[in-house]
Amino acid sequence: MVTVYGIKNCDSVKKALTFFKTHGISYELVDFKSTHADCATIKRWLEQTDLKTLMNSRGTTYRTLGLKAMDLDDAAKIEWLAKENMLIKRPVVEYGGTILVGFDQSRYEGVFLP
């Protein structure tokens, strides 16, 4: 089963969900607005990706919170990601022990299509 983490109205999440629907791939959407990703989940993701990839430093939430000016270390960034899930680049897709961050059509085809 594919688990997609994100928010329903995010364009990248919509593209991922459309990809799964189009190819008949079952998925479960975990919406950050109703189910919060905690520190343990984020640390699990970071076993396969890095903070630069996972943290959306180009988004409105990042700018609004003024995180760039805070010059955070990695531990503080992880705490912020857990506290404010809108800082996480979307979607985060878990599948068979693999983590995919963001939507990339060709990468999805390589992972999910025979």
N, C-alpha and C. Protein backbone atom coordinates (compact mmCIF):
# COMPACT_ATOMS: atom_id res chain seq x y z
N MET A 1 0.85 -1.19 0.00
CA MET A 1 0.00 0.00 0.00
C MET A 1 0.89 1.24 0.00
N VAL A 2 0.47 2.22 -0.75
CA VAL A 2 1.17 3.49 -0.84
C VAL A 2 0.52 4.45 0.17
N THR A 3 1.36 5.12 0.95
CA THR A 3 0.85 6.14 1.87
C THR A 3 1.37 7.49 1.40
N VAL A 4 0.44 8.42 1.19
CA VAL A 4 0.77 9.75 0.71
C VAL A 4 0.49 10.74 1.84
N TYR A 5 1.52 11.48 2.24
CA TYR A 5 1.39 12.51 3.27
C TYR A 5 1.37 13.87 2.59
N GLY A 6 0.43 14.71 3.00
CA GLY A 6 0.34 16.05 2.43
C GLY A 6 -0.97 16.69 2.79
N ILE A 7 -1.39 17.63 1.96
CA ILE A 7 -2.70 18.27 2.14
C ILE A 7 -3.46 18.19 0.82
N LYS A 8 -4.76 18.03 0.92
CA LYS A 8 -5.61 17.77 -0.24
C LYS A 8 -5.53 18.86 -1.31
N ASN A 9 -5.36 20.11 -0.90
CA ASN A 9 -5.41 21.20 -1.87
C ASN A 9 -4.05 21.59 -2.43
N CYS A 10 -3.01 20.83 -2.13
CA CYS A 10 -1.67 21.09 -2.66
C CYS A 10 -1.58 20.55 -4.09
N ASP A 11 -1.09 21.36 -5.02
CA ASP A 11 -1.00 20.94 -6.42
C ASP A 11 -0.14 19.70 -6.61
N SER A 12 0.99 19.62 -5.91
CA SER A 12 1.87 18.45 -6.05
C SER A 12 1.20 17.19 -5.52
N VAL A 13 0.47 17.32 -4.44
CA VAL A 13 -0.26 16.18 -3.89
C VAL A 13 -1.34 15.76 -4.87
N LYS A 14 -2.04 16.71 -5.46
CA LYS A 14 -3.07 16.40 -6.45
C LYS A 14 -2.48 15.64 -7.63
N LYS A 15 -1.30 16.05 -8.09
CA LYS A 15 -0.64 15.36 -9.21
C LYS A 15 -0.29 13.92 -8.82
N ALA A 16 0.21 13.74 -7.62
CA ALA A 16 0.56 12.39 -7.16
C ALA A 16 -0.69 11.51 -7.08
N LEU A 17 -1.76 12.04 -6.50
CA LEU A 17 -3.00 11.27 -6.38
C LEU A 17 -3.57 10.93 -7.74
N THR A 18 -3.50 11.87 -8.68
CA THR A 18 -3.97 11.62 -10.04
C THR A 18 -3.14 10.51 -10.68
N PHE A 19 -1.82 10.54 -10.47
CA PHE A 19 -0.95 9.49 -11.00
C PHE A 19 -1.39 8.13 -10.47
N PHE A 20 -1.62 8.03 -9.17
CA PHE A 20 -2.01 6.75 -8.58
C PHE A 20 -3.37 6.29 -9.09
N LYS A 21 -4.32 7.20 -9.18
CA LYS A 21 -5.65 6.85 -9.69
C LYS A 21 -5.57 6.39 -11.13
N THR A 22 -4.83 7.11 -11.96
CA THR A 22 -4.69 6.79 -13.38
C THR A 22 -4.12 5.39 -13.59
N HIS A 23 -3.19 5.00 -12.73
CA HIS A 23 -2.51 3.72 -12.89
C HIS A 23 -3.07 2.63 -11.97
N GLY A 24 -4.21 2.90 -11.35
CA GLY A 24 -4.87 1.88 -10.53
C GLY A 24 -4.07 1.45 -9.32
N ILE A 25 -3.32 2.38 -8.75
CA ILE A 25 -2.49 2.07 -7.59
C ILE A 25 -3.23 2.52 -6.33
N SER A 26 -3.44 1.57 -5.41
CA SER A 26 -4.13 1.89 -4.16
C SER A 26 -3.24 2.77 -3.28
N TYR A 27 -3.86 3.74 -2.63
CA TYR A 27 -3.11 4.62 -1.75
C TYR A 27 -3.98 5.06 -0.59
N GLU A 28 -3.33 5.55 0.43
CA GLU A 28 -4.00 6.17 1.57
C GLU A 28 -3.43 7.56 1.71
N LEU A 29 -4.29 8.57 1.81
CA LEU A 29 -3.84 9.95 2.01
C LEU A 29 -3.88 10.27 3.49
N VAL A 30 -2.76 10.71 4.02
CA VAL A 30 -2.67 11.20 5.40
C VAL A 30 -2.57 12.71 5.29
N ASP A 31 -3.65 13.38 5.64
CA ASP A 31 -3.73 14.84 5.51
C ASP A 31 -3.13 15.50 6.75
N PHE A 32 -2.10 16.34 6.52
CA PHE A 32 -1.44 17.02 7.63
C PHE A 32 -2.39 17.89 8.44
N LYS A 33 -3.49 18.30 7.84
CA LYS A 33 -4.43 19.16 8.57
C LYS A 33 -5.21 18.39 9.63
N SER A 34 -5.35 17.06 9.43
CA SER A 34 -6.08 16.28 10.42
C SER A 34 -5.20 15.27 11.16
N THR A 35 -4.07 14.89 10.57
CA THR A 35 -3.16 13.94 11.20
C THR A 35 -1.75 14.52 11.13
N HIS A 36 -1.23 14.87 12.26
CA HIS A 36 0.06 15.54 12.34
C HIS A 36 1.22 14.55 12.27
N ALA A 37 2.22 14.82 11.43
CA ALA A 37 3.43 13.99 11.37
C ALA A 37 4.31 14.39 12.56
N ASP A 38 4.65 13.43 13.40
CA ASP A 38 5.43 13.73 14.60
C ASP A 38 6.93 13.58 14.34
N CYS A 39 7.72 13.86 15.37
CA CYS A 39 9.18 13.80 15.28
C CYS A 39 9.66 12.41 14.85
N ALA A 40 9.06 11.36 15.38
CA ALA A 40 9.47 9.99 15.04
C ALA A 40 9.27 9.72 13.56
N THR A 41 8.15 10.15 13.01
CA THR A 41 7.87 9.96 11.59
C THR A 41 8.88 10.73 10.74
N ILE A 42 9.13 11.96 11.12
CA ILE A 42 10.08 12.80 10.37
C ILE A 42 11.49 12.20 10.43
N LYS A 43 11.89 11.71 11.58
CA LYS A 43 13.22 11.08 11.70
C LYS A 43 13.30 9.81 10.85
N ARG A 44 12.19 9.08 10.76
CA ARG A 44 12.15 7.88 9.92
C ARG A 44 12.35 8.28 8.45
N TRP A 45 11.70 9.35 8.02
CA TRP A 45 11.87 9.83 6.66
C TRP A 45 13.31 10.27 6.42
N LEU A 46 13.92 10.89 7.42
CA LEU A 46 15.28 11.40 7.27
C LEU A 46 16.33 10.29 7.20
N GLU A 47 15.93 9.06 7.46
CA GLU A 47 16.84 7.93 7.26
C GLU A 47 17.06 7.70 5.77
N GLN A 48 16.13 8.21 4.91
CA GLN A 48 16.24 7.99 3.47
C GLN A 48 16.38 9.27 2.66
N THR A 49 16.22 10.39 3.29
CA THR A 49 16.37 11.67 2.59
C THR A 49 17.06 12.65 3.53
N ASP A 50 17.29 13.86 3.07
CA ASP A 50 17.96 14.83 3.93
C ASP A 50 17.03 16.00 4.25
N LEU A 51 17.45 16.82 5.20
CA LEU A 51 16.62 17.95 5.62
C LEU A 51 16.39 18.95 4.50
N LYS A 52 17.40 19.15 3.67
CA LYS A 52 17.26 20.10 2.57
C LYS A 52 16.13 19.67 1.62
N THR A 53 16.01 18.38 1.40
CA THR A 53 14.96 17.85 0.53
C THR A 53 13.60 17.89 1.22
N LEU A 54 13.57 17.56 2.50
CA LEU A 54 12.30 17.44 3.22
C LEU A 54 11.70 18.79 3.62
N MET A 55 12.54 19.76 3.92
CA MET A 55 12.04 21.06 4.40
C MET A 55 11.77 21.98 3.22
N ASN A 56 10.56 22.50 3.15
CA ASN A 56 10.18 23.42 2.09
C ASN A 56 10.60 24.83 2.49
N SER A 57 11.83 25.18 2.15
CA SER A 57 12.36 26.49 2.52
C SER A 57 11.95 27.58 1.53
N ARG A 58 11.17 27.22 0.53
CA ARG A 58 10.69 28.21 -0.44
C ARG A 58 9.22 28.56 -0.23
N GLY A 59 8.60 27.94 0.76
CA GLY A 59 7.18 28.14 0.97
C GLY A 59 6.84 29.34 1.84
N THR A 60 5.57 29.67 1.85
CA THR A 60 5.06 30.80 2.62
C THR A 60 5.27 30.60 4.11
N THR A 61 5.03 29.41 4.61
CA THR A 61 5.16 29.15 6.04
C THR A 61 6.59 29.42 6.51
N TYR A 62 7.57 28.96 5.74
CA TYR A 62 8.98 29.16 6.08
C TYR A 62 9.29 30.66 6.17
N ARG A 63 8.84 31.42 5.19
CA ARG A 63 9.09 32.86 5.17
C ARG A 63 8.34 33.57 6.30
N THR A 64 7.09 33.20 6.51
CA THR A 64 6.27 33.84 7.53
C THR A 64 6.86 33.65 8.93
N LEU A 65 7.37 32.46 9.19
CA LEU A 65 7.97 32.17 10.50
C LEU A 65 9.36 32.77 10.67
N GLY A 66 9.95 33.23 9.59
CA GLY A 66 11.28 33.84 9.65
C GLY A 66 12.38 32.85 10.01
N LEU A 67 12.26 31.63 9.56
CA LEU A 67 13.21 30.58 9.95
C LEU A 67 14.60 30.79 9.37
N LYS A 68 14.70 31.41 8.22
CA LYS A 68 16.02 31.64 7.63
C LYS A 68 16.87 32.51 8.55
N ALA A 69 16.27 33.52 9.13
CA ALA A 69 16.99 34.44 10.01
C ALA A 69 17.41 33.77 11.32
N MET A 70 16.75 32.67 11.69
CA MET A 70 17.05 31.99 12.94
C MET A 70 18.31 31.13 12.86
N ASP A 71 18.78 30.82 11.66
CA ASP A 71 19.99 30.01 11.46
C ASP A 71 19.94 28.75 12.33
N LEU A 72 18.93 27.92 12.08
CA LEU A 72 18.66 26.73 12.89
C LEU A 72 19.64 25.60 12.61
N ASP A 73 19.96 24.83 13.65
CA ASP A 73 20.73 23.60 13.44
C ASP A 73 19.75 22.49 13.04
N ASP A 74 20.28 21.32 12.70
CA ASP A 74 19.43 20.24 12.21
C ASP A 74 18.37 19.80 13.22
N ALA A 75 18.75 19.72 14.49
CA ALA A 75 17.80 19.30 15.53
C ALA A 75 16.63 20.28 15.62
N ALA A 76 16.94 21.56 15.55
CA ALA A 76 15.88 22.58 15.62
C ALA A 76 14.99 22.52 14.38
N LYS A 77 15.58 22.24 13.22
CA LYS A 77 14.78 22.12 11.99
C LYS A 77 13.80 20.95 12.09
N ILE A 78 14.27 19.84 12.65
CA ILE A 78 13.40 18.67 12.83
C ILE A 78 12.25 19.02 13.77
N GLU A 79 12.55 19.73 14.85
CA GLU A 79 11.50 20.16 15.79
C GLU A 79 10.47 21.04 15.08
N TRP A 80 10.95 21.96 14.24
CA TRP A 80 10.03 22.84 13.51
C TRP A 80 9.18 22.04 12.53
N LEU A 81 9.77 21.08 11.84
CA LEU A 81 8.99 20.25 10.92
C LEU A 81 7.88 19.50 11.64
N ALA A 82 8.19 19.00 12.84
CA ALA A 82 7.18 18.27 13.62
C ALA A 82 6.12 19.21 14.16
N LYS A 83 6.52 20.40 14.52
CA LYS A 83 5.58 21.37 15.10
C LYS A 83 4.71 22.02 14.01
N GLU A 84 5.29 22.23 12.85
CA GLU A 84 4.61 22.95 11.77
C GLU A 84 4.74 22.14 10.48
N ASN A 85 3.83 21.18 10.28
CA ASN A 85 3.91 20.26 9.14
C ASN A 85 3.83 20.95 7.78
N MET A 86 3.35 22.17 7.73
CA MET A 86 3.30 22.89 6.45
C MET A 86 4.70 23.24 5.95
N LEU A 87 5.71 23.03 6.79
CA LEU A 87 7.11 23.22 6.37
C LEU A 87 7.65 22.03 5.59
N ILE A 88 6.91 20.92 5.58
CA ILE A 88 7.35 19.71 4.89
C ILE A 88 7.00 19.81 3.41
N LYS A 89 8.00 19.54 2.57
CA LYS A 89 7.77 19.52 1.13
C LYS A 89 6.81 18.38 0.81
N ARG A 90 5.83 18.64 -0.03
CA ARG A 90 4.77 17.68 -0.30
C ARG A 90 4.77 17.24 -1.76
N PRO A 91 4.24 16.03 -1.97
CA PRO A 91 3.88 15.01 -0.98
C PRO A 91 5.10 14.22 -0.52
N VAL A 92 4.94 13.58 0.62
CA VAL A 92 5.89 12.57 1.06
C VAL A 92 5.17 11.24 0.85
N VAL A 93 5.78 10.36 0.06
CA VAL A 93 5.16 9.09 -0.29
C VAL A 93 6.00 7.96 0.30
N GLU A 94 5.33 7.09 1.06
CA GLU A 94 5.98 5.89 1.60
C GLU A 94 5.48 4.69 0.81
N TYR A 95 6.43 3.87 0.35
CA TYR A 95 6.05 2.70 -0.42
C TYR A 95 7.15 1.65 -0.29
N GLY A 96 6.81 0.51 0.28
CA GLY A 96 7.75 -0.59 0.38
C GLY A 96 9.09 -0.22 0.99
N GLY A 97 9.08 0.61 2.01
CA GLY A 97 10.31 1.02 2.66
C GLY A 97 11.04 2.15 1.96
N THR A 98 10.44 2.68 0.89
CA THR A 98 11.04 3.78 0.14
C THR A 98 10.27 5.06 0.42
N ILE A 99 11.00 6.18 0.46
CA ILE A 99 10.41 7.50 0.65
C ILE A 99 10.65 8.32 -0.60
N LEU A 100 9.58 8.92 -1.12
CA LEU A 100 9.69 9.87 -2.23
C LEU A 100 9.18 11.21 -1.74
N VAL A 101 9.92 12.28 -1.98
CA VAL A 101 9.52 13.61 -1.55
C VAL A 101 9.28 14.47 -2.79
N GLY A 102 8.09 15.09 -2.85
CA GLY A 102 7.73 15.89 -4.01
C GLY A 102 7.16 15.00 -5.11
N PHE A 103 6.67 15.63 -6.17
CA PHE A 103 6.14 14.86 -7.30
C PHE A 103 7.07 15.00 -8.49
N ASP A 104 7.52 13.87 -9.01
CA ASP A 104 8.35 13.81 -10.21
C ASP A 104 7.81 12.65 -11.05
N GLN A 105 7.14 12.99 -12.13
CA GLN A 105 6.47 12.00 -12.98
C GLN A 105 7.39 10.84 -13.36
N SER A 106 8.58 11.14 -13.84
CA SER A 106 9.47 10.07 -14.30
C SER A 106 9.95 9.19 -13.14
N ARG A 107 10.19 9.79 -12.01
CA ARG A 107 10.60 8.99 -10.85
C ARG A 107 9.46 8.09 -10.39
N TYR A 108 8.24 8.63 -10.35
CA TYR A 108 7.09 7.82 -9.97
C TYR A 108 6.91 6.65 -10.94
N GLU A 109 7.07 6.92 -12.24
CA GLU A 109 6.94 5.84 -13.23
C GLU A 109 7.98 4.77 -12.98
N GLY A 110 9.20 5.16 -12.65
CA GLY A 110 10.26 4.19 -12.39
C GLY A 110 10.01 3.34 -11.17
N VAL A 111 9.39 3.92 -10.15
CA VAL A 111 9.14 3.21 -8.90
C VAL A 111 7.87 2.37 -8.97
N PHE A 112 6.80 2.93 -9.55
CA PHE A 112 5.48 2.29 -9.45
C PHE A 112 5.01 1.53 -10.69
N LEU A 113 5.63 1.76 -11.83
CA LEU A 113 5.17 1.08 -13.03
C LEU A 113 6.18 0.03 -13.45
N PRO A 114 5.70 -1.14 -13.91
CA PRO A 114 6.61 -2.22 -14.31
C PRO A 114 7.44 -1.88 -15.54
